[in-house]
Amino acid sequence: MGNNHTGDIKIFYGYKILFYNYSTHLINSTFLNMDPVTHGLIGATASQSFAEKDILRYAALLGAAGGMLPDLDILISSPADPLLNLEFHRQFTHSLVFIPAGALLIAGLFWWFVRSELYFWECYLFSLLGIATAGIADMFTSYGVQLLWPFTTERFAWNLISIFDPIFSLGLIITVGFSLYKKKKGIAWLGLIWMTVYLLFAVTQKQKAKIAAQALAKQRNHFIERLIVKPTIGNELIWSTRYVSGQMIYADGVRINPLSDPHVYPGESAEIMDWQEQYSDFEGTVLYQDIQRFDELSEGILVAHPDHPNVIGDGRYAMLPISIKPLWGIKVDTTQPRQHVEFNTYRDASQEVRTKFKNMLLGRAIE
């Protein structure tokens, strides 16, 4: 069963449709998802590694589709309940129990396009390999995935790479591209090696950032009750460290140059909101229940947004690692306790923010 010109055209349009449909998803889920292109590349790498030369391109297509399918959960939403999307995101579609069913769905859809080149079991195998990478790949990032749903709603996150890491993705683009061009699955195995080496490097970077954060807290005479260490967008140099001590959360940035000592950028702090006490008069209302849901999604780290009145934000995320201004949050209207809260993002991409981030990347002073 070899490739032919018609098959190549099918593959080209298959890729085009997949990536076009995901473009909107990429824009709307920037801070919650690994980008769909990288998901597709990881899935393609996994499926290519087990394909013969003549069907390598079909394997890559099916693997890419499998890697991207689970993130279609971003489409689950309700205008009446803005938090519904957050609750379902990285939930059942990313769980281990969904993998066989998701692979069957992909194989069934693509079988009509590739049935002259592949057996159905081959379609299913490559789809299975691709979709099996999705939940694990998202665990490399922050926010977490409900990998063991429905047995537990715990979110697992290793906080090793950013949801968008151009160096990580570039290595996969090169290996997947050359594997397709040369029709050699051995090159795809280089992609697996690249991912392993990069993630091991990320582990060492994270550990250095963790040690730096612990040392900083010790200098301040703070006892760390909880420590969150994660990379900033698009790089492994600047790490966001946030720790809880008492009722306060402290945000700092750490630049980890592998060839020199860590450089710490002290940041802001804020009081963790005691929302149960503040909104005790509304217990039992939709408003109170929504705050409780958002508190669970934010792992209990809620802070008041300093620039937006009546906005409760997720204290774990901000545009800058040194900032305590939440990247997203809910707007509470106590005059409408029977209505769902509003959910909004508060991205500040001003010149000042970009300059500070650039200076941190270059190891310069940010004042």
Protein backbone atom coordinates (compact mmCIF):
# COMPACT_ATOMS: atom_id res chain seq x y z
CA MET A 1 0.00 0.00 0.00
CA GLY A 2 2.12 2.91 -1.19
CA ASN A 3 1.54 6.65 -1.41
CA ASN A 4 0.20 8.26 -4.57
CA HIS A 5 -0.44 11.77 -5.82
CA THR A 6 -4.09 11.68 -4.81
CA GLY A 7 -3.15 10.60 -1.31
CA ASP A 8 -0.69 13.50 -0.96
CA ILE A 9 -3.43 15.98 -1.94
CA LYS A 10 -5.72 14.48 0.69
CA ILE A 11 -3.02 14.89 3.31
CA PHE A 12 -2.35 18.51 2.33
CA TYR A 13 -5.99 19.50 2.64
CA GLY A 14 -6.35 17.48 5.81
CA TYR A 15 -3.58 19.49 7.47
CA LYS A 16 -5.00 22.75 6.11
CA ILE A 17 -8.47 22.09 7.55
CA LEU A 18 -7.09 21.00 10.93
CA PHE A 19 -4.91 24.04 11.50
CA TYR A 20 -7.44 26.52 10.12
CA ASN A 21 -10.16 25.29 12.46
CA TYR A 22 -7.80 25.57 15.40
CA SER A 23 -6.74 29.16 14.73
CA THR A 24 -9.63 30.66 16.69
CA HIS A 25 -9.03 28.20 19.49
CA LEU A 26 -5.39 29.27 19.70
CA ILE A 27 -6.33 32.92 20.13
CA ASN A 28 -9.00 32.31 22.77
CA SER A 29 -7.00 29.88 24.93
CA THR A 30 -3.58 31.53 24.91
CA PHE A 31 -2.99 31.37 28.64
CA LEU A 32 -4.63 28.01 29.37
CA ASN A 33 -3.49 25.62 26.64
CA MET A 34 -0.36 24.39 25.01
CA ASP A 35 -0.78 25.78 21.49
CA PRO A 36 -2.56 23.37 19.09
CA VAL A 37 0.31 23.38 16.58
CA THR A 38 2.69 21.98 19.19
CA HIS A 39 0.05 19.46 20.27
CA GLY A 40 -0.22 18.37 16.66
CA LEU A 41 3.55 18.10 16.29
CA ILE A 42 3.84 15.96 19.42
CA GLY A 43 1.04 13.70 18.22
CA ALA A 44 2.61 13.44 14.77
CA THR A 45 5.99 12.59 16.30
CA ALA A 46 4.47 9.76 18.35
CA SER A 47 2.59 8.23 15.41
CA GLN A 48 5.45 8.62 12.92
CA SER A 49 7.73 6.69 15.26
CA PHE A 50 5.70 3.53 14.67
CA ALA A 51 4.88 3.89 10.96
CA GLU A 52 6.44 2.31 7.91
CA LYS A 53 7.92 4.44 5.16
CA ASP A 54 5.00 4.20 2.72
CA ILE A 55 2.38 5.37 5.23
CA LEU A 56 4.47 7.83 7.22
CA ARG A 57 2.55 10.89 6.08
CA TYR A 58 -0.82 9.37 6.88
CA ALA A 59 0.46 8.43 10.31
CA ALA A 60 1.60 12.01 10.89
CA LEU A 61 -1.81 13.39 9.88
CA LEU A 62 -3.72 11.04 12.15
CA GLY A 63 -1.31 11.59 15.03
CA ALA A 64 -1.60 15.37 14.65
CA ALA A 65 -5.39 15.13 14.67
CA GLY A 66 -5.23 12.99 17.78
CA GLY A 67 -2.94 15.44 19.54
CA MET A 68 -5.29 18.34 18.87
CA LEU A 69 -8.71 16.75 19.34
CA PRO A 70 -8.96 16.99 23.17
CA ASP A 71 -8.60 20.77 23.10
CA LEU A 72 -11.91 21.03 21.28
CA ASP A 73 -13.32 21.15 24.81
CA ILE A 74 -12.73 24.90 24.56
CA LEU A 75 -15.96 24.94 22.54
CA ILE A 76 -17.97 23.78 25.55
CA SER A 77 -19.45 26.98 26.88
CA SER A 78 -22.64 28.69 27.94
CA PRO A 79 -23.42 32.41 27.66
CA ALA A 80 -25.51 32.07 30.80
CA ASP A 81 -22.70 30.48 32.84
CA PRO A 82 -19.24 31.89 32.02
CA LEU A 83 -17.45 29.50 34.41
CA LEU A 84 -18.72 26.41 32.62
CA ASN A 85 -15.94 26.60 30.04
CA LEU A 86 -13.25 26.79 32.71
CA GLU A 87 -14.67 23.77 34.52
CA PHE A 88 -14.78 21.60 31.41
CA HIS A 89 -11.48 22.78 29.97
CA ARG A 90 -8.78 20.10 30.30
CA GLN A 91 -11.33 17.81 31.87
CA PHE A 92 -12.87 14.62 30.40
CA THR A 93 -11.37 15.02 26.91
CA HIS A 94 -7.89 15.00 28.48
CA SER A 95 -8.50 12.02 30.74
CA LEU A 96 -7.02 8.57 30.25
CA VAL A 97 -10.46 6.98 29.88
CA PHE A 98 -11.24 9.21 26.88
CA ILE A 99 -8.22 8.09 24.85
CA PRO A 100 -9.72 4.90 23.28
CA ALA A 101 -13.02 6.62 22.44
CA GLY A 102 -11.32 9.71 21.05
CA ALA A 103 -9.04 7.58 18.89
CA LEU A 104 -12.06 5.71 17.54
CA LEU A 105 -13.75 9.00 16.66
CA ILE A 106 -10.70 10.24 14.72
CA ALA A 107 -10.16 6.93 12.96
CA GLY A 108 -13.81 6.82 11.94
CA LEU A 109 -13.69 10.34 10.50
CA PHE A 110 -10.41 9.95 8.61
CA TRP A 111 -11.00 6.41 7.40
CA TRP A 112 -13.08 7.76 4.51
CA PHE A 113 -10.10 9.80 3.27
CA VAL A 114 -7.35 7.21 3.68
CA ARG A 115 -9.13 3.86 3.33
CA SER A 116 -7.34 3.17 0.03
CA GLU A 117 -3.98 3.45 1.79
CA LEU A 118 -4.51 2.21 5.37
CA TYR A 119 -6.29 -0.58 7.14
CA PHE A 120 -8.74 0.60 9.77
CA TRP A 121 -6.62 -0.83 12.57
CA GLU A 122 -3.71 1.30 11.31
CA CYS A 123 -5.95 4.39 11.35
CA TYR A 124 -6.94 3.59 14.90
CA LEU A 125 -3.37 2.89 16.07
CA PHE A 126 -1.99 6.19 14.76
CA SER A 127 -4.97 8.10 16.17
CA LEU A 128 -4.47 6.35 19.51
CA LEU A 129 -0.78 7.25 19.63
CA GLY A 130 -1.56 10.88 18.86
CA ILE A 131 -4.37 11.38 21.33
CA ALA A 132 -2.44 9.58 24.07
CA THR A 133 0.08 12.42 24.02
CA ALA A 134 -2.47 15.23 24.54
CA GLY A 135 -3.15 15.00 28.26
CA ILE A 136 0.48 14.24 29.09
CA ALA A 137 1.71 17.15 26.97
CA ASP A 138 -0.60 19.55 28.80
CA MET A 139 0.75 18.24 32.09
CA PHE A 140 4.14 19.62 31.05
CA THR A 141 2.56 23.10 31.29
CA SER A 142 0.73 24.82 34.14
CA TYR A 143 -3.00 24.99 35.02
CA GLY A 144 -3.24 21.20 35.09
CA VAL A 145 -5.33 18.45 33.51
CA GLN A 146 -7.85 16.08 35.04
CA LEU A 147 -5.98 13.04 33.83
CA LEU A 148 -7.80 10.61 36.13
CA TRP A 149 -11.34 11.92 35.56
CA PRO A 150 -13.98 10.70 36.52
CA PHE A 151 -12.28 9.01 39.47
CA THR A 152 -10.90 12.32 40.74
CA THR A 153 -11.17 15.97 39.69
CA GLU A 154 -7.59 16.70 40.78
CA ARG A 155 -5.59 18.60 38.18
CA PHE A 156 -2.05 17.43 37.49
CA ALA A 157 0.57 19.96 36.35
CA TRP A 158 4.35 19.65 36.16
CA ASN A 159 4.96 23.34 35.29
CA LEU A 160 7.98 22.56 33.11
CA ILE A 161 7.35 24.49 29.90
CA SER A 162 5.22 27.41 28.83
CA ILE A 163 2.00 26.84 26.89
CA PHE A 164 3.94 28.43 24.00
CA ASP A 165 7.63 27.63 23.80
CA PRO A 166 9.11 28.41 20.35
CA ILE A 167 12.38 26.55 20.96
CA PHE A 168 10.58 23.39 22.06
CA SER A 169 8.23 23.60 19.07
CA LEU A 170 11.02 24.42 16.60
CA GLY A 171 12.81 21.17 17.43
CA LEU A 172 9.62 19.26 16.68
CA ILE A 173 8.97 21.19 13.46
CA ILE A 174 12.42 20.24 12.21
CA THR A 175 12.19 16.55 13.12
CA VAL A 176 8.60 16.09 11.92
CA GLY A 177 9.34 17.99 8.71
CA PHE A 178 12.48 16.04 7.87
CA SER A 179 10.78 12.77 8.76
CA LEU A 180 8.01 13.55 6.26
CA TYR A 181 10.45 14.77 3.63
CA LYS A 182 12.84 11.86 3.91
CA LYS A 183 10.11 9.33 4.76
CA LYS A 184 12.21 7.93 7.60
CA LYS A 185 10.64 7.18 10.96
CA GLY A 186 14.10 7.18 12.56
CA ILE A 187 14.08 10.97 12.29
CA ALA A 188 10.82 11.02 14.23
CA TRP A 189 12.61 9.20 17.04
CA LEU A 190 15.00 12.15 17.14
CA GLY A 191 11.94 14.24 17.93
CA LEU A 192 11.18 12.06 20.95
CA ILE A 193 14.80 12.41 22.06
CA TRP A 194 14.58 16.20 21.62
CA MET A 195 11.48 16.39 23.81
CA THR A 196 13.09 14.26 26.50
CA VAL A 197 16.29 16.32 26.59
CA TYR A 198 14.39 19.62 26.63
CA LEU A 199 12.10 18.51 29.44
CA LEU A 200 15.03 17.27 31.51
CA PHE A 201 16.62 20.69 31.03
CA ALA A 202 13.34 22.27 32.18
CA VAL A 203 13.39 20.10 35.32
CA THR A 204 16.84 21.43 36.26
CA GLN A 205 15.76 25.02 35.56
CA LYS A 206 12.67 24.65 37.70
CA GLN A 207 14.65 23.18 40.57
CA LYS A 208 17.06 26.13 40.49
CA ALA A 209 14.15 28.56 40.52
CA LYS A 210 12.60 26.71 43.45
CA ILE A 211 15.82 26.91 45.46
CA ALA A 212 16.10 30.64 44.70
CA ALA A 213 12.51 31.24 45.85
CA GLN A 214 13.10 29.34 49.08
CA ALA A 215 16.25 31.35 49.76
CA LEU A 216 14.38 34.62 49.14
CA ALA A 217 11.60 33.64 51.53
CA LYS A 218 14.19 32.74 54.16
CA GLN A 219 15.78 36.18 53.79
CA ARG A 220 12.38 37.72 54.45
CA ASN A 221 11.81 35.45 57.46
CA HIS A 222 8.77 33.97 55.76
CA PHE A 223 7.58 30.41 56.26
CA ILE A 224 6.44 28.99 52.92
CA GLU A 225 3.09 27.25 53.22
CA ARG A 226 2.77 26.76 49.48
CA LEU A 227 5.16 27.37 46.61
CA ILE A 228 4.26 27.70 42.91
CA VAL A 229 7.12 27.70 40.39
CA LYS A 230 6.44 27.87 36.67
CA PRO A 231 8.10 29.22 33.50
CA THR A 232 6.99 32.44 31.89
CA ILE A 233 5.61 32.63 28.37
CA GLY A 234 7.86 31.41 25.58
CA ASN A 235 11.10 30.70 27.45
CA GLU A 236 12.95 28.72 30.11
CA LEU A 237 15.03 31.63 31.40
CA ILE A 238 12.51 33.66 33.42
CA TRP A 239 10.53 31.78 36.05
CA SER A 240 7.56 32.95 38.06
CA THR A 241 7.74 32.03 41.74
CA ARG A 242 4.80 32.63 44.06
CA TYR A 243 4.60 31.51 47.62
CA VAL A 244 1.94 31.74 50.29
CA SER A 245 2.95 32.77 53.79
CA GLY A 246 0.16 33.41 56.25
CA GLN A 247 -2.63 35.25 54.47
CA MET A 248 -0.27 36.79 51.92
CA ILE A 249 0.97 35.72 48.50
CA TYR A 250 4.35 36.97 47.26
CA ALA A 251 5.20 37.18 43.56
CA ASP A 252 8.82 37.23 42.35
CA GLY A 253 10.73 36.59 39.16
CA VAL A 254 13.89 34.50 38.86
CA ARG A 255 16.19 34.52 35.84
CA ILE A 256 17.95 31.18 35.54
CA ASN A 257 21.01 31.35 33.30
CA PRO A 258 22.50 27.83 33.17
CA LEU A 259 26.01 29.35 33.14
CA SER A 260 25.66 31.76 36.08
CA ASP A 261 23.93 32.25 39.41
CA PRO A 262 20.18 32.97 39.47
CA HIS A 263 19.11 36.61 39.35
CA VAL A 264 16.10 37.40 41.53
CA TYR A 265 13.60 40.15 40.70
CA PRO A 266 11.62 40.91 43.88
CA GLY A 267 7.98 41.56 43.16
CA GLU A 268 4.66 42.50 44.68
CA SER A 269 2.52 40.92 47.35
CA ALA A 270 -1.19 40.82 48.13
CA GLU A 271 -3.55 39.51 50.75
CA ILE A 272 -5.37 36.31 49.90
CA MET A 273 -9.06 37.07 49.97
CA ASP A 274 -11.20 35.57 52.72
CA TRP A 275 -14.16 35.45 50.40
CA GLN A 276 -16.23 33.17 52.68
CA GLU A 277 -16.26 35.88 55.33
CA GLN A 278 -16.58 38.80 52.93
CA TYR A 279 -19.57 37.30 51.11
CA SER A 280 -21.11 35.33 53.99
CA ASP A 281 -24.38 37.26 53.66
CA PHE A 282 -24.85 35.75 50.18
CA GLU A 283 -24.35 32.10 51.13
CA GLY A 284 -26.69 29.85 49.17
CA THR A 285 -27.05 32.27 46.25
CA VAL A 286 -25.78 31.79 42.68
CA LEU A 287 -23.24 34.53 43.36
CA TYR A 288 -21.76 32.72 46.35
CA GLN A 289 -21.70 29.38 44.51
CA ASP A 290 -19.88 30.96 41.56
CA ILE A 291 -17.21 32.45 43.82
CA GLN A 292 -16.80 29.02 45.40
CA ARG A 293 -16.43 27.41 41.96
CA PHE A 294 -13.83 29.99 40.93
CA ASP A 295 -12.00 29.48 44.22
CA GLU A 296 -11.73 25.76 43.47
CA LEU A 297 -10.52 26.46 39.93
CA SER A 298 -7.92 28.87 41.36
CA GLU A 299 -6.78 26.36 43.99
CA GLY A 300 -7.81 28.68 46.80
CA ILE A 301 -5.61 31.62 45.79
CA LEU A 302 -8.00 34.51 45.19
CA VAL A 303 -6.96 38.15 45.33
CA ALA A 304 -8.72 41.44 44.70
CA HIS A 305 -7.70 43.03 41.41
CA PRO A 306 -6.01 46.36 42.29
CA ASP A 307 -7.16 48.11 39.11
CA HIS A 308 -10.69 46.75 38.72
CA PRO A 309 -13.24 47.22 41.51
CA ASN A 310 -15.31 44.17 42.49
CA VAL A 311 -13.06 41.83 40.48
CA ILE A 312 -11.76 38.69 42.19
CA GLY A 313 -8.74 37.30 40.39
CA ASP A 314 -6.73 34.09 40.23
CA GLY A 315 -3.57 35.05 42.14
CA ARG A 316 -1.46 32.38 40.43
CA TYR A 317 -1.23 34.15 37.06
CA ALA A 318 -0.18 37.61 35.90
CA MET A 319 1.37 39.23 32.84
CA LEU A 320 4.69 39.63 34.66
CA PRO A 321 6.17 37.22 37.22
CA ILE A 322 6.73 40.13 39.61
CA SER A 323 3.15 41.37 39.33
CA ILE A 324 0.22 40.43 41.53
CA LYS A 325 -2.37 41.82 39.11
CA PRO A 326 -4.47 38.78 38.11
CA LEU A 327 -4.53 37.78 34.48
CA TRP A 328 -8.18 36.76 34.71
CA GLY A 329 -10.99 36.95 37.21
CA ILE A 330 -14.69 37.23 37.95
CA LYS A 331 -16.66 40.43 38.41
CA VAL A 332 -18.93 40.27 41.43
CA ASP A 333 -22.19 42.23 41.42
CA THR A 334 -23.78 41.97 44.87
CA THR A 335 -26.90 43.71 43.60
CA GLN A 336 -27.61 40.66 41.40
CA PRO A 337 -26.97 37.66 43.69
CA ARG A 338 -29.18 35.35 41.62
CA GLN A 339 -27.18 35.87 38.44
CA HIS A 340 -23.93 34.23 37.39
CA VAL A 341 -20.75 36.25 37.70
CA GLU A 342 -18.88 37.65 34.70
CA PHE A 343 -15.55 36.13 33.73
CA ASN A 344 -12.98 38.35 32.02
CA THR A 345 -9.30 38.45 31.17
CA TYR A 346 -7.17 41.46 32.08
CA ARG A 347 -4.17 41.32 29.79
CA ASP A 348 -1.89 44.32 29.91
CA ALA A 349 0.45 44.23 26.92
CA SER A 350 1.53 47.85 27.27
CA GLN A 351 4.97 49.10 26.29
CA GLU A 352 5.93 49.29 29.95
CA VAL A 353 5.07 45.63 30.56
CA ARG A 354 6.85 44.49 27.39
CA THR A 355 9.97 46.49 28.28
CA LYS A 356 10.12 45.05 31.78
CA PHE A 357 9.78 41.52 30.47
CA LYS A 358 12.46 42.11 27.81
CA ASN A 359 14.84 43.52 30.40
CA MET A 360 14.29 40.49 32.60
CA LEU A 361 15.06 38.19 29.68
CA LEU A 362 18.30 40.07 29.08
CA GLY A 363 19.21 40.11 32.75
CA ARG A 364 18.91 43.88 33.09
CA ALA A 365 17.45 45.99 35.87
CA ILE A 366 13.74 46.58 35.40
CA GLU A 367 13.39 49.95 37.11
